[in-house]
Amino acid sequence: MKNLLLATTTLVLVTLVPALSIAGESDACKACHNGSVAPGVDALKSKFKTADALVAGAKSSANPMMKSIQADEAKLKAAAAELMK
């Protein structure tokens, strides 16, 4: 009985712990948008008033570092919604 309880507890912990470490969508943006590499999050919030405007601005960016993220509109929308909270 103790072995079954220990095995079940271990399985639950192994299953749940990785889910706790999932980062938000905007964390990938904050790596570059820190004010030194690219405009900071506060600058983006003042320039773009809505999440849709931020997505449109990101998609129209000519910066080659934005090319990989421009292809994933769902991720852009999720990150913009999280940033504009």
PDB file of N, CA and C in Angstrom:
ATOM      1  N   MET A   1       0.826  -1.194   0.000  1.00  0.00           N
ATOM      2  CA  MET A   1       0.000   0.000   0.000  1.00  0.00           C
ATOM      3  C   MET A   1       0.869   1.256   0.000  1.00  0.00           C
ATOM      4  N   LYS A   2       1.935   1.218   0.818  1.00  0.00           N
ATOM      5  CA  LYS A   2       2.825   2.368   0.873  1.00  0.00           C
ATOM      6  C   LYS A   2       3.520   2.592  -0.469  1.00  0.00           C
ATOM      7  N   ASN A   3       3.894   1.507  -1.120  1.00  0.00           N
ATOM      8  CA  ASN A   3       4.554   1.630  -2.419  1.00  0.00           C
ATOM      9  C   ASN A   3       3.613   2.240  -3.457  1.00  0.00           C
ATOM     10  N   LEU A   4       2.356   1.844  -3.421  1.00  0.00           N
ATOM     11  CA  LEU A   4       1.375   2.388  -4.353  1.00  0.00           C
ATOM     12  C   LEU A   4       1.158   3.877  -4.105  1.00  0.00           C
ATOM     13  N   LEU A   5       1.073   4.262  -2.850  1.00  0.00           N
ATOM     14  CA  LEU A   5       0.913   5.668  -2.497  1.00  0.00           C
ATOM     15  C   LEU A   5       2.133   6.482  -2.920  1.00  0.00           C
ATOM     16  N   LEU A   6       3.311   5.961  -2.690  1.00  0.00           N
ATOM     17  CA  LEU A   6       4.543   6.638  -3.087  1.00  0.00           C
ATOM     18  C   LEU A   6       4.637   6.761  -4.608  1.00  0.00           C
ATOM     19  N   ALA A   7       4.296   5.698  -5.309  1.00  0.00           N
ATOM     20  CA  ALA A   7       4.341   5.716  -6.768  1.00  0.00           C
ATOM     21  C   ALA A   7       3.333   6.708  -7.338  1.00  0.00           C
ATOM     22  N   THR A   8       2.143   6.759  -6.777  1.00  0.00           N
ATOM     23  CA  THR A   8       1.112   7.692  -7.229  1.00  0.00           C
ATOM     24  C   THR A   8       1.526   9.133  -6.967  1.00  0.00           C
ATOM     25  N   THR A   9       2.056   9.398  -5.801  1.00  0.00           N
ATOM     26  CA  THR A   9       2.508  10.749  -5.460  1.00  0.00           C
ATOM     27  C   THR A   9       3.629  11.190  -6.386  1.00  0.00           C
ATOM     28  N   THR A  10       4.575  10.307  -6.646  1.00  0.00           N
ATOM     29  CA  THR A  10       5.685  10.619  -7.544  1.00  0.00           C
ATOM     30  C   THR A  10       5.176  10.902  -8.951  1.00  0.00           C
ATOM     31  N   LEU A  11       4.256  10.096  -9.430  1.00  0.00           N
ATOM     32  CA  LEU A  11       3.694  10.295 -10.760  1.00  0.00           C
ATOM     33  C   LEU A  11       2.976  11.635 -10.860  1.00  0.00           C
ATOM     34  N   VAL A  12       2.220  11.986  -9.851  1.00  0.00           N
ATOM     35  CA  VAL A  12       1.504  13.267  -9.854  1.00  0.00           C
ATOM     36  C   VAL A  12       2.488  14.434  -9.860  1.00  0.00           C
ATOM     37  N   LEU A  13       3.522  14.364  -9.039  1.00  0.00           N
ATOM     38  CA  LEU A  13       4.514  15.438  -8.998  1.00  0.00           C
ATOM     39  C   LEU A  13       5.267  15.565 -10.309  1.00  0.00           C
ATOM     40  N   VAL A  14       5.666  14.456 -10.889  1.00  0.00           N
ATOM     41  CA  VAL A  14       6.396  14.483 -12.158  1.00  0.00           C
ATOM     42  C   VAL A  14       5.508  15.052 -13.266  1.00  0.00           C
ATOM     43  N   THR A  15       4.233  14.803 -13.191  1.00  0.00           N
ATOM     44  CA  THR A  15       3.307  15.300 -14.200  1.00  0.00           C
ATOM     45  C   THR A  15       2.999  16.782 -14.025  1.00  0.00           C
ATOM     46  N   LEU A  16       2.850  17.255 -12.805  1.00  0.00           N
ATOM     47  CA  LEU A  16       2.416  18.624 -12.559  1.00  0.00           C
ATOM     48  C   LEU A  16       3.539  19.659 -12.510  1.00  0.00           C
ATOM     49  N   VAL A  17       4.717  19.312 -12.076  1.00  0.00           N
ATOM     50  CA  VAL A  17       5.796  20.290 -11.904  1.00  0.00           C
ATOM     51  C   VAL A  17       6.168  20.985 -13.208  1.00  0.00           C
ATOM     52  N   PRO A  18       6.305  20.300 -14.346  1.00  0.00           N
ATOM     53  CA  PRO A  18       6.620  21.028 -15.574  1.00  0.00           C
ATOM     54  C   PRO A  18       5.538  22.038 -15.970  1.00  0.00           C
ATOM     55  N   ALA A  19       4.297  21.757 -15.657  1.00  0.00           N
ATOM     56  CA  ALA A  19       3.216  22.682 -15.997  1.00  0.00           C
ATOM     57  C   ALA A  19       3.321  23.979 -15.204  1.00  0.00           C
ATOM     58  N   LEU A  20       3.917  23.940 -14.043  1.00  0.00           N
ATOM     59  CA  LEU A  20       4.070  25.137 -13.224  1.00  0.00           C
ATOM     60  C   LEU A  20       5.139  26.075 -13.765  1.00  0.00           C
ATOM     61  N   SER A  21       6.045  25.581 -14.578  1.00  0.00           N
ATOM     62  CA  SER A  21       7.153  26.394 -15.053  1.00  0.00           C
ATOM     63  C   SER A  21       6.930  26.976 -16.438  1.00  0.00           C
ATOM     64  N   ILE A  22       5.751  26.841 -17.002  1.00  0.00           N
ATOM     65  CA  ILE A  22       5.471  27.380 -18.327  1.00  0.00           C
ATOM     66  C   ILE A  22       5.416  28.901 -18.241  1.00  0.00           C
ATOM     67  N   ALA A  23       6.202  29.543 -19.079  1.00  0.00           N
ATOM     68  CA  ALA A  23       6.274  31.005 -19.082  1.00  0.00           C
ATOM     69  C   ALA A  23       5.118  31.585 -19.887  1.00  0.00           C
ATOM     70  N   GLY A  24       4.841  32.849 -19.642  1.00  0.00           N
ATOM     71  CA  GLY A  24       3.814  33.536 -20.403  1.00  0.00           C
ATOM     72  C   GLY A  24       4.293  33.839 -21.811  1.00  0.00           C
ATOM     73  N   GLU A  25       3.360  34.119 -22.686  1.00  0.00           N
ATOM     74  CA  GLU A  25       3.697  34.404 -24.078  1.00  0.00           C
ATOM     75  C   GLU A  25       4.579  35.640 -24.211  1.00  0.00           C
ATOM     76  N   SER A  26       4.346  36.637 -23.371  1.00  0.00           N
ATOM     77  CA  SER A  26       5.094  37.877 -23.516  1.00  0.00           C
ATOM     78  C   SER A  26       6.513  37.788 -22.974  1.00  0.00           C
ATOM     79  N   ASP A  27       6.841  36.717 -22.258  1.00  0.00           N
ATOM     80  CA  ASP A  27       8.204  36.577 -21.742  1.00  0.00           C
ATOM     81  C   ASP A  27       9.221  36.463 -22.868  1.00  0.00           C
ATOM     82  N   ALA A  28       8.833  35.861 -23.974  1.00  0.00           N
ATOM     83  CA  ALA A  28       9.740  35.771 -25.118  1.00  0.00           C
ATOM     84  C   ALA A  28       9.999  37.164 -25.697  1.00  0.00           C
ATOM     85  N   CYS A  29       9.020  38.033 -25.636  1.00  0.00           N
ATOM     86  CA  CYS A  29       9.175  39.397 -26.156  1.00  0.00           C
ATOM     87  C   CYS A  29      10.065  40.236 -25.242  1.00  0.00           C
ATOM     88  N   LYS A  30       9.914  40.026 -23.946  1.00  0.00           N
ATOM     89  CA  LYS A  30      10.640  40.841 -22.973  1.00  0.00           C
ATOM     90  C   LYS A  30      12.141  40.612 -23.028  1.00  0.00           C
ATOM     91  N   ALA A  31      12.579  39.508 -23.614  1.00  0.00           N
ATOM     92  CA  ALA A  31      14.012  39.245 -23.720  1.00  0.00           C
ATOM     93  C   ALA A  31      14.697  40.315 -24.578  1.00  0.00           C
ATOM     94  N   CYS A  32      14.069  40.713 -25.654  1.00  0.00           N
ATOM     95  CA  CYS A  32      14.638  41.758 -26.530  1.00  0.00           C
ATOM     96  C   CYS A  32      14.051  43.136 -26.235  1.00  0.00           C
ATOM     97  N   HIS A  33      12.768  43.178 -25.916  1.00  0.00           N
ATOM     98  CA  HIS A  33      12.091  44.458 -25.676  1.00  0.00           C
ATOM     99  C   HIS A  33      12.333  44.904 -24.233  1.00  0.00           C
ATOM    100  N   ASN A  34      13.600  45.207 -23.952  1.00  0.00           N
ATOM    101  CA  ASN A  34      13.997  45.628 -22.612  1.00  0.00           C
ATOM    102  C   ASN A  34      14.478  47.075 -22.583  1.00  0.00           C
ATOM    103  N   GLY A  35      14.430  47.755 -23.720  1.00  0.00           N
ATOM    104  CA  GLY A  35      14.850  49.146 -23.778  1.00  0.00           C
ATOM    105  C   GLY A  35      16.246  49.336 -24.339  1.00  0.00           C
ATOM    106  N   SER A  36      17.057  48.279 -24.350  1.00  0.00           N
ATOM    107  CA  SER A  36      18.397  48.427 -24.904  1.00  0.00           C
ATOM    108  C   SER A  36      18.514  47.778 -26.280  1.00  0.00           C
ATOM    109  N   VAL A  37      17.921  46.611 -26.461  1.00  0.00           N
ATOM    110  CA  VAL A  37      17.954  45.943 -27.756  1.00  0.00           C
ATOM    111  C   VAL A  37      16.820  46.446 -28.641  1.00  0.00           C
ATOM    112  N   ALA A  38      15.645  46.545 -28.079  1.00  0.00           N
ATOM    113  CA  ALA A  38      14.439  46.999 -28.780  1.00  0.00           C
ATOM    114  C   ALA A  38      13.644  47.862 -27.803  1.00  0.00           C
ATOM    115  N   PRO A  39      12.667  48.619 -28.316  1.00  0.00           N
ATOM    116  CA  PRO A  39      11.872  49.463 -27.408  1.00  0.00           C
ATOM    117  C   PRO A  39      11.297  48.640 -26.259  1.00  0.00           C
ATOM    118  N   GLY A  40      11.313  49.218 -25.077  1.00  0.00           N
ATOM    119  CA  GLY A  40      10.817  48.534 -23.890  1.00  0.00           C
ATOM    120  C   GLY A  40       9.319  48.341 -23.911  1.00  0.00           C
ATOM    121  N   VAL A  41       8.841  47.530 -23.001  1.00  0.00           N
ATOM    122  CA  VAL A  41       7.419  47.217 -22.905  1.00  0.00           C
ATOM    123  C   VAL A  41       6.600  48.485 -22.654  1.00  0.00           C
ATOM    124  N   ASP A  42       7.095  49.383 -21.811  1.00  0.00           N
ATOM    125  CA  ASP A  42       6.370  50.629 -21.537  1.00  0.00           C
ATOM    126  C   ASP A  42       6.276  51.499 -22.782  1.00  0.00           C
ATOM    127  N   ALA A  43       7.337  51.525 -23.579  1.00  0.00           N
ATOM    128  CA  ALA A  43       7.307  52.290 -24.827  1.00  0.00           C
ATOM    129  C   ALA A  43       6.306  51.696 -25.804  1.00  0.00           C
ATOM    130  N   LEU A  44       6.224  50.377 -25.845  1.00  0.00           N
ATOM    131  CA  LEU A  44       5.251  49.723 -26.723  1.00  0.00           C
ATOM    132  C   LEU A  44       3.826  50.033 -26.280  1.00  0.00           C
ATOM    133  N   LYS A  45       3.605  50.032 -24.961  1.00  0.00           N
ATOM    134  CA  LYS A  45       2.264  50.332 -24.446  1.00  0.00           C
ATOM    135  C   LYS A  45       1.850  51.757 -24.757  1.00  0.00           C
ATOM    136  N   SER A  46       2.790  52.690 -24.734  1.00  0.00           N
ATOM    137  CA  SER A  46       2.429  54.078 -25.026  1.00  0.00           C
ATOM    138  C   SER A  46       2.252  54.303 -26.524  1.00  0.00           C
ATOM    139  N   LYS A  47       2.979  53.555 -27.353  1.00  0.00           N
ATOM    140  CA  LYS A  47       2.879  53.720 -28.808  1.00  0.00           C
ATOM    141  C   LYS A  47       1.629  53.044 -29.366  1.00  0.00           C
ATOM    142  N   PHE A  48       1.321  51.860 -28.862  1.00  0.00           N
ATOM    143  CA  PHE A  48       0.169  51.094 -29.345  1.00  0.00           C
ATOM    144  C   PHE A  48      -0.877  51.041 -28.243  1.00  0.00           C
ATOM    145  N   LYS A  49      -2.062  51.528 -28.531  1.00  0.00           N
ATOM    146  CA  LYS A  49      -3.117  51.638 -27.509  1.00  0.00           C
ATOM    147  C   LYS A  49      -3.919  50.353 -27.327  1.00  0.00           C
ATOM    148  N   THR A  50      -3.931  49.481 -28.335  1.00  0.00           N
ATOM    149  CA  THR A  50      -4.688  48.233 -28.232  1.00  0.00           C
ATOM    150  C   THR A  50      -3.805  47.046 -28.607  1.00  0.00           C
ATOM    151  N   ALA A  51      -4.249  45.867 -28.242  1.00  0.00           N
ATOM    152  CA  ALA A  51      -3.505  44.657 -28.584  1.00  0.00           C
ATOM    153  C   ALA A  51      -3.487  44.441 -30.093  1.00  0.00           C
ATOM    154  N   ASP A  52      -4.595  44.760 -30.761  1.00  0.00           N
ATOM    155  CA  ASP A  52      -4.642  44.608 -32.225  1.00  0.00           C
ATOM    156  C   ASP A  52      -3.655  45.543 -32.910  1.00  0.00           C
ATOM    157  N   ALA A  53      -3.518  46.757 -32.400  1.00  0.00           N
ATOM    158  CA  ALA A  53      -2.555  47.703 -32.971  1.00  0.00           C
ATOM    159  C   ALA A  53      -1.125  47.208 -32.747  1.00  0.00           C
ATOM    160  N   LEU A  54      -0.877  46.609 -31.608  1.00  0.00           N
ATOM    161  CA  LEU A  54       0.452  46.068 -31.319  1.00  0.00           C
ATOM    162  C   LEU A  54       0.773  44.901 -32.248  1.00  0.00           C
ATOM    163  N   VAL A  55      -0.198  44.043 -32.499  1.00  0.00           N
ATOM    164  CA  VAL A  55      -0.001  42.921 -33.430  1.00  0.00           C
ATOM    165  C   VAL A  55       0.271  43.450 -34.837  1.00  0.00           C
ATOM    166  N   ALA A  56      -0.488  44.449 -35.258  1.00  0.00           N
ATOM    167  CA  ALA A  56      -0.275  45.029 -36.590  1.00  0.00           C
ATOM    168  C   ALA A  56       1.111  45.668 -36.688  1.00  0.00           C
ATOM    169  N   GLY A  57       1.537  46.343 -35.634  1.00  0.00           N
ATOM    170  CA  GLY A  57       2.868  46.945 -35.626  1.00  0.00           C
ATOM    171  C   GLY A  57       3.965  45.900 -35.673  1.00  0.00           C
ATOM    172  N   ALA A  58       3.785  44.810 -34.962  1.00  0.00           N
ATOM    173  CA  ALA A  58       4.782  43.732 -34.973  1.00  0.00           C
ATOM    174  C   ALA A  58       4.857  43.067 -36.338  1.00  0.00           C
ATOM    175  N   LYS A  59       3.706  42.882 -36.970  1.00  0.00           N
ATOM    176  CA  LYS A  59       3.683  42.242 -38.282  1.00  0.00           C
ATOM    177  C   LYS A  59       4.269  43.138 -39.368  1.00  0.00           C
ATOM    178  N   SER A  60       4.190  44.467 -39.181  1.00  0.00           N
ATOM    179  CA  SER A  60       4.709  45.381 -40.196  1.00  0.00           C
ATOM    180  C   SER A  60       6.169  45.761 -39.954  1.00  0.00           C
ATOM    181  N   SER A  61       6.759  45.276 -38.886  1.00  0.00           N
ATOM    182  CA  SER A  61       8.152  45.587 -38.573  1.00  0.00           C
ATOM    183  C   SER A  61       9.086  45.017 -39.637  1.00  0.00           C
ATOM    184  N   ALA A  62      10.073  45.814 -40.026  1.00  0.00           N
ATOM    185  CA  ALA A  62      11.057  45.370 -41.012  1.00  0.00           C
ATOM    186  C   ALA A  62      12.305  44.793 -40.350  1.00  0.00           C
ATOM    187  N   ASN A  63      12.336  44.769 -39.040  1.00  0.00           N
ATOM    188  CA  ASN A  63      13.489  44.255 -38.312  1.00  0.00           C
ATOM    189  C   ASN A  63      13.615  42.750 -38.558  1.00  0.00           C
ATOM    190  N   PRO A  64      14.791  42.287 -39.001  1.00  0.00           N
ATOM    191  CA  PRO A  64      14.942  40.850 -39.282  1.00  0.00           C
ATOM    192  C   PRO A  64      14.791  39.958 -38.049  1.00  0.00           C
ATOM    193  N   MET A  65      14.982  40.502 -36.856  1.00  0.00           N
ATOM    194  CA  MET A  65      14.814  39.699 -35.646  1.00  0.00           C
ATOM    195  C   MET A  65      13.345  39.376 -35.392  1.00  0.00           C
ATOM    196  N   MET A  66      12.449  40.102 -36.004  1.00  0.00           N
ATOM    197  CA  MET A  66      11.012  39.875 -35.818  1.00  0.00           C
ATOM    198  C   MET A  66      10.443  38.851 -36.800  1.00  0.00           C
ATOM    199  N   LYS A  67      11.227  38.431 -37.784  1.00  0.00           N
ATOM    200  CA  LYS A  67      10.718  37.536 -38.834  1.00  0.00           C
ATOM    201  C   LYS A  67      10.173  36.226 -38.275  1.00  0.00           C
ATOM    202  N   SER A  68      10.839  35.652 -37.295  1.00  0.00           N
ATOM    203  CA  SER A  68      10.383  34.356 -36.785  1.00  0.00           C
ATOM    204  C   SER A  68       9.053  34.472 -36.048  1.00  0.00           C
ATOM    205  N   ILE A  69       8.839  35.558 -35.342  1.00  0.00           N
ATOM    206  CA  ILE A  69       7.596  35.723 -34.584  1.00  0.00           C
ATOM    207  C   ILE A  69       6.452  36.218 -35.471  1.00  0.00           C
ATOM    208  N   GLN A  70       6.772  36.902 -36.554  1.00  0.00           N
ATOM    209  CA  GLN A  70       5.722  37.424 -37.436  1.00  0.00           C
ATOM    210  C   GLN A  70       4.910  36.315 -38.087  1.00  0.00           C
ATOM    211  N   ALA A  71       5.482  35.153 -38.237  1.00  0.00           N
ATOM    212  CA  ALA A  71       4.786  34.041 -38.880  1.00  0.00           C
ATOM    213  C   ALA A  71       3.722  33.412 -37.975  1.00  0.00           C
ATOM    214  N   ASP A  72       3.823  33.597 -36.683  1.00  0.00           N
ATOM    215  CA  ASP A  72       2.897  32.968 -35.731  1.00  0.00           C
ATOM    216  C   ASP A  72       1.945  34.015 -35.156  1.00  0.00           C
ATOM    217  N   GLU A  73       0.858  34.262 -35.865  1.00  0.00           N
ATOM    218  CA  GLU A  73      -0.084  35.308 -35.462  1.00  0.00           C
ATOM    219  C   GLU A  73      -0.770  34.984 -34.136  1.00  0.00           C
ATOM    220  N   ALA A  74      -1.033  33.732 -33.877  1.00  0.00           N
ATOM    221  CA  ALA A  74      -1.676  33.352 -32.613  1.00  0.00           C
ATOM    222  C   ALA A  74      -0.775  33.700 -31.428  1.00  0.00           C
ATOM    223  N   LYS A  75       0.506  33.443 -31.566  1.00  0.00           N
ATOM    224  CA  LYS A  75       1.442  33.765 -30.496  1.00  0.00           C
ATOM    225  C   LYS A  75       1.572  35.280 -30.337  1.00  0.00           C
ATOM    226  N   LEU A  76       1.565  36.007 -31.443  1.00  0.00           N
ATOM    227  CA  LEU A  76       1.600  37.468 -31.388  1.00  0.00           C
ATOM    228  C   LEU A  76       0.383  38.018 -30.647  1.00  0.00           C
ATOM    229  N   LYS A  77      -0.789  37.484 -30.969  1.00  0.00           N
ATOM    230  CA  LYS A  77      -2.014  37.959 -30.327  1.00  0.00           C
ATOM    231  C   LYS A  77      -2.019  37.651 -28.833  1.00  0.00           C
ATOM    232  N   ALA A  78      -1.553  36.474 -28.468  1.00  0.00           N
ATOM    233  CA  ALA A  78      -1.511  36.094 -27.055  1.00  0.00           C
ATOM    234  C   ALA A  78      -0.522  36.975 -26.292  1.00  0.00           C
ATOM    235  N   ALA A  79       0.635  37.229 -26.876  1.00  0.00           N
ATOM    236  CA  ALA A  79       1.641  38.073 -26.231  1.00  0.00           C
ATOM    237  C   ALA A  79       1.151  39.514 -26.122  1.00  0.00           C
ATOM    238  N   ALA A  80       0.511  40.020 -27.162  1.00  0.00           N
ATOM    239  CA  ALA A  80      -0.013  41.386 -27.135  1.00  0.00           C
ATOM    240  C   ALA A  80      -1.099  41.532 -26.084  1.00  0.00           C
ATOM    241  N   ALA A  81      -1.986  40.558 -25.994  1.00  0.00           N
ATOM    242  CA  ALA A  81      -3.044  40.618 -24.971  1.00  0.00           C
ATOM    243  C   ALA A  81      -2.449  40.610 -23.569  1.00  0.00           C
ATOM    244  N   GLU A  82      -1.392  39.814 -23.373  1.00  0.00           N
ATOM    245  CA  GLU A  82      -0.752  39.740 -22.066  1.00  0.00           C
ATOM    246  C   GLU A  82      -0.023  41.040 -21.733  1.00  0.00           C
ATOM    247  N   LEU A  83       0.618  41.637 -22.740  1.00  0.00           N
ATOM    248  CA  LEU A  83       1.358  42.895 -22.508  1.00  0.00           C
ATOM    249  C   LEU A  83       0.422  44.068 -22.248  1.00  0.00           C
ATOM    250  N   MET A  84      -0.733  44.074 -22.882  1.00  0.00           N
ATOM    251  CA  MET A  84      -1.640  45.230 -22.784  1.00  0.00           C
ATOM    252  C   MET A  84      -2.538  45.172 -21.563  1.00  0.00           C
ATOM    253  N   LYS A  85      -2.403  44.177 -20.712  1.00  0.00           N
ATOM    254  CA  LYS A  85      -3.222  44.081 -19.497  1.00  0.00           C
ATOM    255  C   LYS A  85      -2.997  45.287 -18.624  1.00  0.00           C
TER     256      LYS A  85
END
